[in-house]
Amino acid sequence: MGAMSDSTRPGRAMILAAGRGERMRPLTDHTPKPLLPVGGRPLILHHIEKLVAAGIPRLVINHAHLGRQIVEYLGDGARYGASITYSPEPEGALETGGGILNALPLLGDAPFLVVNGDVWSDLDYEGLRSPPGRLAHLVLVDNPSHHPDGDFVLDDAGGVWDRAGARLTFSGVGVYRAALFQGCGGGAFPLAPLLRGAMARGQVSGEHHRGQWLDIGTPQRLAQLERLLGGGGG
């Protein structure tokens, strides 16, 4: 693999943790969603431990709603083998695109991994790469019952497209290059339009993760993950 492996491997990872968690209320009225316990520890710790195990200990975490609790709980990350830097956002947050843009100065020059803080999977982060010539590499999963139509098409050559066909669901895990955000202004904006623009230029690749994945968007799905982890998952 050599030099190409090094140049395409994420140098840092960002965990998106700024969401309000409206669908999780009342659980999130006094606790930020990333700190909700599941499997005996906060949801965000599952991500941190997996990223450290994958050799990506340098982490950026954005926060808004009750964000001070996240900072106070995790600190600098040293006790987890990580080095955590925080990217605070105004109340109401900056959405996914705006949040990543705001954190770019903290993410370095290499490709970086971004993980939604409210998903869980058995994906091995260590194998993720950013292929040369691509601005984004997305992990796609089978469509869950709450999102049956999916998001994007993955072709046989590993390209990802916004077009008709057998769509898969974006998992909330992706590797990006800073150039994806070139020309963006500040403020709140979604990530999806940037991805669709890059897809139209053939600059997005992807892979299909066929293992376990859950979007922890509701108390019911949090309980589902609790049952899964109680059964020996992790």
C-alpha atoms as a PDB file:
ATOM      1  CA  MET A   1       0.000   0.000   0.000  1.00  0.00           C
ATOM      2  CA  GLY A   2       2.852   2.365   0.881  1.00  0.00           C
ATOM      3  CA  ALA A   3       2.620   6.100   0.309  1.00  0.00           C
ATOM      4  CA  MET A   4      -0.779   5.976  -1.364  1.00  0.00           C
ATOM      5  CA  SER A   5      -2.278   4.326   1.704  1.00  0.00           C
ATOM      6  CA  ASP A   6      -0.873   7.061   3.919  1.00  0.00           C
ATOM      7  CA  SER A   7      -2.072   9.898   1.683  1.00  0.00           C
ATOM      8  CA  THR A   8      -5.613   8.585   1.428  1.00  0.00           C
ATOM      9  CA  ARG A   9      -6.081   7.562   5.075  1.00  0.00           C
ATOM     10  CA  PRO A  10      -7.961   9.981   7.350  1.00  0.00           C
ATOM     11  CA  GLY A  11      -5.624  11.993   9.542  1.00  0.00           C
ATOM     12  CA  ARG A  12      -8.304  13.085  11.977  1.00  0.00           C
ATOM     13  CA  ALA A  13     -11.932  12.326  12.693  1.00  0.00           C
ATOM     14  CA  MET A  14     -14.842  14.591  13.521  1.00  0.00           C
ATOM     15  CA  ILE A  15     -17.824  13.440  15.560  1.00  0.00           C
ATOM     16  CA  LEU A  16     -20.959  15.475  14.883  1.00  0.00           C
ATOM     17  CA  ALA A  17     -22.518  16.136  18.283  1.00  0.00           C
ATOM     18  CA  ALA A  18     -24.272  19.492  17.939  1.00  0.00           C
ATOM     19  CA  GLY A  19     -27.809  18.361  17.188  1.00  0.00           C
ATOM     20  CA  ARG A  20     -30.692  19.251  19.476  1.00  0.00           C
ATOM     21  CA  GLY A  21     -32.184  15.755  19.454  1.00  0.00           C
ATOM     22  CA  GLU A  22     -35.797  16.912  19.189  1.00  0.00           C
ATOM     23  CA  ARG A  23     -37.097  13.424  18.454  1.00  0.00           C
ATOM     24  CA  MET A  24     -35.345  12.166  21.587  1.00  0.00           C
ATOM     25  CA  ARG A  25     -37.190  14.491  23.921  1.00  0.00           C
ATOM     26  CA  PRO A  26     -37.698  14.410  26.870  1.00  0.00           C
ATOM     27  CA  LEU A  27     -34.430  12.438  27.164  1.00  0.00           C
ATOM     28  CA  THR A  28     -32.479  15.322  25.615  1.00  0.00           C
ATOM     29  CA  ASP A  29     -34.093  18.146  27.582  1.00  0.00           C
ATOM     30  CA  HIS A  30     -31.319  18.004  30.156  1.00  0.00           C
ATOM     31  CA  THR A  31     -28.763  15.672  28.559  1.00  0.00           C
ATOM     32  CA  PRO A  32     -27.169  16.136  25.115  1.00  0.00           C
ATOM     33  CA  LYS A  33     -27.934  13.190  22.841  1.00  0.00           C
ATOM     34  CA  PRO A  34     -24.271  12.063  22.568  1.00  0.00           C
ATOM     35  CA  LEU A  35     -24.195  11.510  26.339  1.00  0.00           C
ATOM     36  CA  LEU A  36     -27.300   9.332  26.487  1.00  0.00           C
ATOM     37  CA  PRO A  37     -26.212   5.993  27.955  1.00  0.00           C
ATOM     38  CA  VAL A  38     -26.392   2.811  25.913  1.00  0.00           C
ATOM     39  CA  GLY A  39     -24.594  -0.430  26.623  1.00  0.00           C
ATOM     40  CA  GLY A  40     -23.346   0.969  29.932  1.00  0.00           C
ATOM     41  CA  ARG A  41     -21.647   4.109  28.589  1.00  0.00           C
ATOM     42  CA  PRO A  42     -22.507   7.280  26.628  1.00  0.00           C
ATOM     43  CA  LEU A  43     -23.234   6.824  22.935  1.00  0.00           C
ATOM     44  CA  ILE A  44     -20.344   9.089  21.923  1.00  0.00           C
ATOM     45  CA  LEU A  45     -17.866   6.906  23.798  1.00  0.00           C
ATOM     46  CA  HIS A  46     -18.644   4.006  21.467  1.00  0.00           C
ATOM     47  CA  HIS A  47     -17.388   6.193  18.598  1.00  0.00           C
ATOM     48  CA  ILE A  48     -14.325   7.442  20.458  1.00  0.00           C
ATOM     49  CA  GLU A  49     -13.220   3.945  21.469  1.00  0.00           C
ATOM     50  CA  LYS A  50     -13.661   2.615  17.919  1.00  0.00           C
ATOM     51  CA  LEU A  51     -11.772   5.532  16.376  1.00  0.00           C
ATOM     52  CA  VAL A  52      -8.869   5.159  18.789  1.00  0.00           C
ATOM     53  CA  ALA A  53      -8.776   1.412  18.113  1.00  0.00           C
ATOM     54  CA  ALA A  54      -8.669   2.182  14.371  1.00  0.00           C
ATOM     55  CA  GLY A  55      -5.593   4.365  14.821  1.00  0.00           C
ATOM     56  CA  ILE A  56      -7.402   7.707  14.518  1.00  0.00           C
ATOM     57  CA  PRO A  57      -7.026   9.240  17.996  1.00  0.00           C
ATOM     58  CA  ARG A  58      -7.017  12.916  16.972  1.00  0.00           C
ATOM     59  CA  LEU A  59     -10.650  13.940  17.221  1.00  0.00           C
ATOM     60  CA  VAL A  60     -12.726  17.075  16.711  1.00  0.00           C
ATOM     61  CA  ILE A  61     -16.162  17.226  18.340  1.00  0.00           C
ATOM     62  CA  ASN A  62     -18.641  19.985  17.572  1.00  0.00           C
ATOM     63  CA  HIS A  63     -21.323  20.887  20.077  1.00  0.00           C
ATOM     64  CA  ALA A  64     -24.149  23.347  20.677  1.00  0.00           C
ATOM     65  CA  HIS A  65     -27.129  22.157  22.759  1.00  0.00           C
ATOM     66  CA  LEU A  66     -25.890  21.516  26.319  1.00  0.00           C
ATOM     67  CA  GLY A  67     -22.427  21.272  24.803  1.00  0.00           C
ATOM     68  CA  ARG A  68     -20.637  22.158  28.027  1.00  0.00           C
ATOM     69  CA  GLN A  69     -21.742  18.811  29.432  1.00  0.00           C
ATOM     70  CA  ILE A  70     -19.926  17.039  26.588  1.00  0.00           C
ATOM     71  CA  VAL A  71     -16.736  19.020  27.206  1.00  0.00           C
ATOM     72  CA  GLU A  72     -16.883  18.416  30.945  1.00  0.00           C
ATOM     73  CA  TYR A  73     -17.486  14.689  30.531  1.00  0.00           C
ATOM     74  CA  LEU A  74     -14.871  13.938  27.869  1.00  0.00           C
ATOM     75  CA  GLY A  75     -12.232  16.547  28.678  1.00  0.00           C
ATOM     76  CA  ASP A  76      -9.143  16.349  26.478  1.00  0.00           C
ATOM     77  CA  GLY A  77      -9.800  12.681  25.757  1.00  0.00           C
ATOM     78  CA  ALA A  78      -6.541  11.455  27.286  1.00  0.00           C
ATOM     79  CA  ARG A  79      -8.209   8.874  29.524  1.00  0.00           C
ATOM     80  CA  TYR A  80      -9.638   7.260  26.382  1.00  0.00           C
ATOM     81  CA  GLY A  81      -6.368   7.348  24.469  1.00  0.00           C
ATOM     82  CA  ALA A  82      -7.632  10.234  22.329  1.00  0.00           C
ATOM     83  CA  SER A  83      -6.744  13.874  21.792  1.00  0.00           C
ATOM     84  CA  ILE A  84      -9.984  15.854  21.575  1.00  0.00           C
ATOM     85  CA  THR A  85     -10.418  19.394  20.257  1.00  0.00           C
ATOM     86  CA  TYR A  86     -13.829  21.074  20.404  1.00  0.00           C
ATOM     87  CA  SER A  87     -15.623  23.159  17.796  1.00  0.00           C
ATOM     88  CA  PRO A  88     -18.370  25.088  19.604  1.00  0.00           C
ATOM     89  CA  GLU A  89     -21.366  26.339  17.629  1.00  0.00           C
ATOM     90  CA  PRO A  90     -24.093  28.871  18.414  1.00  0.00           C
ATOM     91  CA  GLU A  91     -27.365  27.712  19.914  1.00  0.00           C
ATOM     92  CA  GLY A  92     -29.332  26.174  17.069  1.00  0.00           C
ATOM     93  CA  ALA A  93     -26.102  24.750  15.576  1.00  0.00           C
ATOM     94  CA  LEU A  94     -24.763  25.083  12.025  1.00  0.00           C
ATOM     95  CA  GLU A  95     -26.189  21.934  10.384  1.00  0.00           C
ATOM     96  CA  THR A  96     -23.838  19.297   9.032  1.00  0.00           C
ATOM     97  CA  GLY A  97     -22.224  21.310   6.243  1.00  0.00           C
ATOM     98  CA  GLY A  98     -21.802  24.462   8.299  1.00  0.00           C
ATOM     99  CA  GLY A  99     -20.512  22.483  11.255  1.00  0.00           C
ATOM    100  CA  ILE A 100     -17.805  20.771   9.216  1.00  0.00           C
ATOM    101  CA  LEU A 101     -16.815  24.038   7.503  1.00  0.00           C
ATOM    102  CA  ASN A 102     -16.534  25.730  10.893  1.00  0.00           C
ATOM    103  CA  ALA A 103     -14.227  22.940  12.096  1.00  0.00           C
ATOM    104  CA  LEU A 104     -11.978  22.795   8.996  1.00  0.00           C
ATOM    105  CA  PRO A 105      -9.122  24.750  10.645  1.00  0.00           C
ATOM    106  CA  LEU A 106      -8.978  21.991  13.285  1.00  0.00           C
ATOM    107  CA  LEU A 107      -9.066  19.070  10.855  1.00  0.00           C
ATOM    108  CA  GLY A 108      -5.687  19.432   9.157  1.00  0.00           C
ATOM    109  CA  ASP A 109      -4.718  19.062   5.512  1.00  0.00           C
ATOM    110  CA  ALA A 110      -5.236  15.315   5.082  1.00  0.00           C
ATOM    111  CA  PRO A 111      -8.592  13.698   4.299  1.00  0.00           C
ATOM    112  CA  PHE A 112     -10.722  13.477   7.441  1.00  0.00           C
ATOM    113  CA  LEU A 113     -13.383  11.098   8.673  1.00  0.00           C
ATOM    114  CA  VAL A 114     -16.765  12.420   9.839  1.00  0.00           C
ATOM    115  CA  VAL A 115     -19.131  10.321  11.947  1.00  0.00           C
ATOM    116  CA  ASN A 116     -22.654  11.332  12.905  1.00  0.00           C
ATOM    117  CA  GLY A 117     -22.818  11.144  16.679  1.00  0.00           C
ATOM    118  CA  ASP A 118     -26.280   9.594  16.599  1.00  0.00           C
ATOM    119  CA  VAL A 119     -25.544   6.477  14.566  1.00  0.00           C
ATOM    120  CA  TRP A 120     -24.069   3.155  15.631  1.00  0.00           C
ATOM    121  CA  SER A 121     -22.552   0.416  13.516  1.00  0.00           C
ATOM    122  CA  ASP A 122     -20.084  -2.455  13.605  1.00  0.00           C
ATOM    123  CA  LEU A 123     -18.144  -0.814  10.755  1.00  0.00           C
ATOM    124  CA  ASP A 124     -14.343  -1.029  10.989  1.00  0.00           C
ATOM    125  CA  TYR A 125     -13.127   2.564  10.612  1.00  0.00           C
ATOM    126  CA  GLU A 126      -9.566   1.387  10.037  1.00  0.00           C
ATOM    127  CA  GLY A 127     -10.269   0.369   6.452  1.00  0.00           C
ATOM    128  CA  LEU A 128     -11.770   3.685   5.332  1.00  0.00           C
ATOM    129  CA  ARG A 129      -9.862   5.658   2.710  1.00  0.00           C
ATOM    130  CA  SER A 130     -10.337   8.681   0.441  1.00  0.00           C
ATOM    131  CA  PRO A 131      -9.544   7.518  -3.106  1.00  0.00           C
ATOM    132  CA  PRO A 132      -7.448   9.928  -5.193  1.00  0.00           C
ATOM    133  CA  GLY A 133      -9.529  12.330  -7.267  1.00  0.00           C
ATOM    134  CA  ARG A 134     -12.578  12.046  -5.011  1.00  0.00           C
ATOM    135  CA  LEU A 135     -13.758  14.761  -2.637  1.00  0.00           C
ATOM    136  CA  ALA A 136     -15.912  12.393  -0.580  1.00  0.00           C
ATOM    137  CA  HIS A 137     -16.105   8.677   0.162  1.00  0.00           C
ATOM    138  CA  LEU A 138     -19.409   7.613   1.701  1.00  0.00           C
ATOM    139  CA  VAL A 139     -20.356   4.518   3.655  1.00  0.00           C
ATOM    140  CA  LEU A 140     -23.775   3.335   2.479  1.00  0.00           C
ATOM    141  CA  VAL A 141     -26.046   0.796   4.152  1.00  0.00           C
ATOM    142  CA  ASP A 142     -29.210  -1.132   3.355  1.00  0.00           C
ATOM    143  CA  ASN A 143     -32.308   1.035   3.630  1.00  0.00           C
ATOM    144  CA  PRO A 144     -33.889   0.907   7.098  1.00  0.00           C
ATOM    145  CA  SER A 145     -37.657   0.658   7.515  1.00  0.00           C
ATOM    146  CA  HIS A 146     -37.886   4.354   8.438  1.00  0.00           C
ATOM    147  CA  HIS A 147     -36.032   5.397   5.240  1.00  0.00           C
ATOM    148  CA  PRO A 148     -37.145   2.870   2.616  1.00  0.00           C
ATOM    149  CA  ASP A 149     -36.303   4.909  -0.502  1.00  0.00           C
ATOM    150  CA  GLY A 150     -32.623   5.379   0.331  1.00  0.00           C
ATOM    151  CA  ASP A 151     -30.374   8.271  -0.710  1.00  0.00           C
ATOM    152  CA  PHE A 152     -27.811   7.445  -3.400  1.00  0.00           C
ATOM    153  CA  VAL A 153     -26.851   4.843  -6.005  1.00  0.00           C
ATOM    154  CA  LEU A 154     -23.550   2.952  -5.726  1.00  0.00           C
ATOM    155  CA  ASP A 155     -22.265   1.690  -9.070  1.00  0.00           C
ATOM    156  CA  ASP A 156     -20.099  -1.361  -9.707  1.00  0.00           C
ATOM    157  CA  ALA A 157     -16.976   0.809  -9.965  1.00  0.00           C
ATOM    158  CA  GLY A 158     -17.496   2.349  -6.519  1.00  0.00           C
ATOM    159  CA  GLY A 159     -18.943   5.654  -7.735  1.00  0.00           C
ATOM    160  CA  VAL A 160     -21.840   7.235  -5.857  1.00  0.00           C
ATOM    161  CA  TRP A 161     -24.588   9.091  -7.725  1.00  0.00           C
ATOM    162  CA  ASP A 162     -27.805  10.968  -7.092  1.00  0.00           C
ATOM    163  CA  ARG A 163     -29.900   9.277  -9.743  1.00  0.00           C
ATOM    164  CA  ALA A 164     -32.636   6.730 -10.246  1.00  0.00           C
ATOM    165  CA  GLY A 165     -31.763   3.154  -9.464  1.00  0.00           C
ATOM    166  CA  ALA A 166     -31.269   0.814  -6.530  1.00  0.00           C
ATOM    167  CA  ARG A 167     -30.577   3.371  -3.823  1.00  0.00           C
ATOM    168  CA  LEU A 168     -28.813   2.771  -0.546  1.00  0.00           C
ATOM    169  CA  THR A 169     -28.922   4.910   2.598  1.00  0.00           C
ATOM    170  CA  PHE A 170     -26.066   7.187   3.608  1.00  0.00           C
ATOM    171  CA  SER A 171     -24.868   5.904   6.976  1.00  0.00           C
ATOM    172  CA  GLY A 172     -23.665   9.236   8.352  1.00  0.00           C
ATOM    173  CA  VAL A 173     -20.046   8.067   8.019  1.00  0.00           C
ATOM    174  CA  GLY A 174     -17.820   9.532   5.329  1.00  0.00           C
ATOM    175  CA  VAL A 175     -14.270  10.586   4.477  1.00  0.00           C
ATOM    176  CA  TYR A 176     -13.947  14.097   3.044  1.00  0.00           C
ATOM    177  CA  ARG A 177     -11.373  16.464   1.638  1.00  0.00           C
ATOM    178  CA  ALA A 178     -11.409  20.150   2.507  1.00  0.00           C
ATOM    179  CA  ALA A 179     -11.792  21.036  -1.197  1.00  0.00           C
ATOM    180  CA  LEU A 180     -15.410  19.820  -0.985  1.00  0.00           C
ATOM    181  CA  PHE A 181     -16.161  22.986   0.983  1.00  0.00           C
ATOM    182  CA  GLN A 182     -14.275  25.397  -1.280  1.00  0.00           C
ATOM    183  CA  GLY A 183     -16.272  28.562  -1.886  1.00  0.00           C
ATOM    184  CA  CYS A 184     -18.734  27.961   0.935  1.00  0.00           C
ATOM    185  CA  GLY A 185     -19.728  30.896   3.087  1.00  0.00           C
ATOM    186  CA  GLY A 186     -20.218  30.663   6.829  1.00  0.00           C
ATOM    187  CA  GLY A 187     -23.387  30.043   8.757  1.00  0.00           C
ATOM    188  CA  ALA A 188     -25.700  27.052   8.828  1.00  0.00           C
ATOM    189  CA  PHE A 189     -26.117  24.878   5.730  1.00  0.00           C
ATOM    190  CA  PRO A 190     -26.644  21.173   4.971  1.00  0.00           C
ATOM    191  CA  LEU A 191     -24.021  18.822   3.583  1.00  0.00           C
ATOM    192  CA  ALA A 192     -26.236  17.039   1.050  1.00  0.00           C
ATOM    193  CA  PRO A 193     -26.203  19.744  -1.686  1.00  0.00           C
ATOM    194  CA  LEU A 194     -22.386  19.784  -1.638  1.00  0.00           C
ATOM    195  CA  LEU A 195     -22.323  16.017  -2.002  1.00  0.00           C
ATOM    196  CA  ARG A 196     -24.824  16.075  -4.863  1.00  0.00           C
ATOM    197  CA  GLY A 197     -22.763  18.702  -6.674  1.00  0.00           C
ATOM    198  CA  ALA A 198     -19.618  16.600  -6.284  1.00  0.00           C
ATOM    199  CA  MET A 199     -21.516  13.511  -7.471  1.00  0.00           C
ATOM    200  CA  ALA A 200     -22.515  15.329 -10.639  1.00  0.00           C
ATOM    201  CA  ARG A 201     -18.789  15.870 -11.282  1.00  0.00           C
ATOM    202  CA  GLY A 202     -17.912  12.232 -10.581  1.00  0.00           C
ATOM    203  CA  GLN A 203     -15.996  13.133  -7.422  1.00  0.00           C
ATOM    204  CA  VAL A 204     -17.760  10.897  -4.867  1.00  0.00           C
ATOM    205  CA  SER A 205     -16.971   7.254  -4.174  1.00  0.00           C
ATOM    206  CA  GLY A 206     -18.470   4.861  -1.688  1.00  0.00           C
ATOM    207  CA  GLU A 207     -18.764   1.412  -0.225  1.00  0.00           C
ATOM    208  CA  HIS A 208     -21.641  -0.764   0.952  1.00  0.00           C
ATOM    209  CA  HIS A 209     -21.465  -1.775   4.611  1.00  0.00           C
ATOM    210  CA  ARG A 210     -23.555  -4.899   4.984  1.00  0.00           C
ATOM    211  CA  GLY A 211     -23.137  -5.282   8.723  1.00  0.00           C
ATOM    212  CA  GLN A 212     -25.125  -3.787  11.548  1.00  0.00           C
ATOM    213  CA  TRP A 213     -26.130  -0.116  11.536  1.00  0.00           C
ATOM    214  CA  LEU A 214     -28.669   1.913  13.480  1.00  0.00           C
ATOM    215  CA  ASP A 215     -29.727   5.552  13.310  1.00  0.00           C
ATOM    216  CA  ILE A 216     -30.344   6.363  16.976  1.00  0.00           C
ATOM    217  CA  GLY A 217     -32.914   9.059  16.256  1.00  0.00           C
ATOM    218  CA  THR A 218     -35.725   8.073  18.609  1.00  0.00           C
ATOM    219  CA  PRO A 219     -36.071   6.581  22.103  1.00  0.00           C
ATOM    220  CA  GLN A 220     -37.351   3.404  20.476  1.00  0.00           C
ATOM    221  CA  ARG A 221     -34.171   2.975  18.418  1.00  0.00           C
ATOM    222  CA  LEU A 222     -32.046   3.775  21.457  1.00  0.00           C
ATOM    223  CA  ALA A 223     -33.845   0.933  23.244  1.00  0.00           C
ATOM    224  CA  GLN A 224     -33.251  -1.285  20.187  1.00  0.00           C
ATOM    225  CA  LEU A 225     -29.499  -0.605  20.394  1.00  0.00           C
ATOM    226  CA  GLU A 226     -29.553  -1.291  24.131  1.00  0.00           C
ATOM    227  CA  ARG A 227     -31.053  -4.703  23.419  1.00  0.00           C
ATOM    228  CA  LEU A 228     -28.504  -5.361  20.682  1.00  0.00           C
ATOM    229  CA  LEU A 229     -25.542  -4.461  22.868  1.00  0.00           C
ATOM    230  CA  GLY A 230     -27.006  -6.395  25.758  1.00  0.00           C
ATOM    231  CA  GLY A 231     -26.954  -9.404  23.501  1.00  0.00           C
ATOM    232  CA  GLY A 232     -23.197  -9.220  23.054  1.00  0.00           C
ATOM    233  CA  GLY A 233     -22.785  -6.545  20.350  1.00  0.00           C
ATOM    234  CA  GLY A 234     -20.305  -3.690  20.735  1.00  0.00           C
END
